[in-house]
Amino acid sequence: MEKPKDVLNINELASYLDIPKSTIYKLVRERKIPAQKVGRHWRFHKETIDAWLGNRTEAGKP
């Protein structure tokens, strides 16, 4: 049985959120999305992204 992925790369996050990679890079640059840089690559904890999405929904933000 395959374990669900806990850490997403930019391509996986774009697919997960169904938004363009350019939008994710913009959100990262503006520090509006939780992310960690590992070397030259951005990584995103799925649990943190889910919580971030939940907080934005509760606050009534788009």
Protein backbone atom coordinates (compact mmCIF):
# COMPACT_ATOMS: atom_id res chain seq x y z
CA MET A 1 0.00 0.00 0.00
CA GLU A 2 1.36 3.39 -0.99
CA LYS A 3 1.56 6.05 1.70
CA PRO A 4 -0.02 9.41 0.79
CA LYS A 5 2.53 12.09 0.05
CA ASP A 6 3.01 14.54 2.94
CA VAL A 7 5.27 16.99 1.11
CA LEU A 8 4.39 18.37 -2.32
CA ASN A 9 6.57 20.00 -4.93
CA ILE A 10 5.38 22.92 -7.06
CA ASN A 11 3.95 20.71 -9.82
CA GLU A 12 2.06 18.51 -7.37
CA LEU A 13 0.68 21.54 -5.52
CA ALA A 14 -0.44 23.16 -8.78
CA SER A 15 -2.29 19.96 -9.64
CA TYR A 16 -3.71 19.60 -6.11
CA LEU A 17 -5.04 23.18 -6.04
CA ASP A 18 -5.87 23.21 -9.77
CA ILE A 19 -4.11 26.53 -10.32
CA PRO A 20 -1.16 27.50 -12.53
CA LYS A 21 2.39 27.19 -11.21
CA SER A 22 2.87 30.90 -11.90
CA THR A 23 0.13 31.69 -9.37
CA ILE A 24 1.83 29.54 -6.75
CA TYR A 25 5.17 31.25 -7.39
CA LYS A 26 3.42 34.61 -6.99
CA LEU A 27 1.82 33.53 -3.69
CA VAL A 28 5.21 32.29 -2.45
CA ARG A 29 6.94 35.51 -3.49
CA GLU A 30 4.29 37.54 -1.64
CA ARG A 31 4.55 35.18 1.36
CA LYS A 32 0.83 34.43 1.17
CA ILE A 33 1.19 30.65 1.14
CA PRO A 34 3.16 28.49 3.61
CA ALA A 35 6.24 27.10 1.89
CA GLN A 36 9.81 25.98 2.52
CA LYS A 37 12.71 26.27 0.15
CA VAL A 38 15.01 23.26 -0.05
CA GLY A 39 18.01 24.28 -2.09
CA ARG A 40 16.50 25.84 -5.22
CA HIS A 41 13.18 24.01 -4.89
CA TRP A 42 10.01 24.95 -3.06
CA ARG A 43 8.25 22.34 -0.92
CA PHE A 44 4.80 22.46 0.64
CA HIS A 45 3.47 20.36 3.53
CA LYS A 46 0.06 19.08 2.45
CA GLU A 47 -1.35 19.31 5.98
CA THR A 48 -0.24 22.94 6.26
CA ILE A 49 -1.72 23.78 2.86
CA ASP A 50 -5.03 22.17 3.86
CA ALA A 51 -5.06 24.24 7.09
CA TRP A 52 -4.18 27.39 5.12
CA LEU A 53 -7.08 26.74 2.76
CA GLY A 54 -9.42 26.16 5.70
CA ASN A 55 -8.35 29.41 7.38
CA ARG A 56 -8.90 31.40 4.18
CA THR A 57 -12.38 29.92 3.74
CA GLU A 58 -13.35 30.66 7.34
CA ALA A 59 -12.16 34.24 7.01
CA GLY A 60 -14.31 34.65 3.91
CA LYS A 61 -11.34 35.34 1.65
CA PRO A 62 -11.27 34.08 -1.93
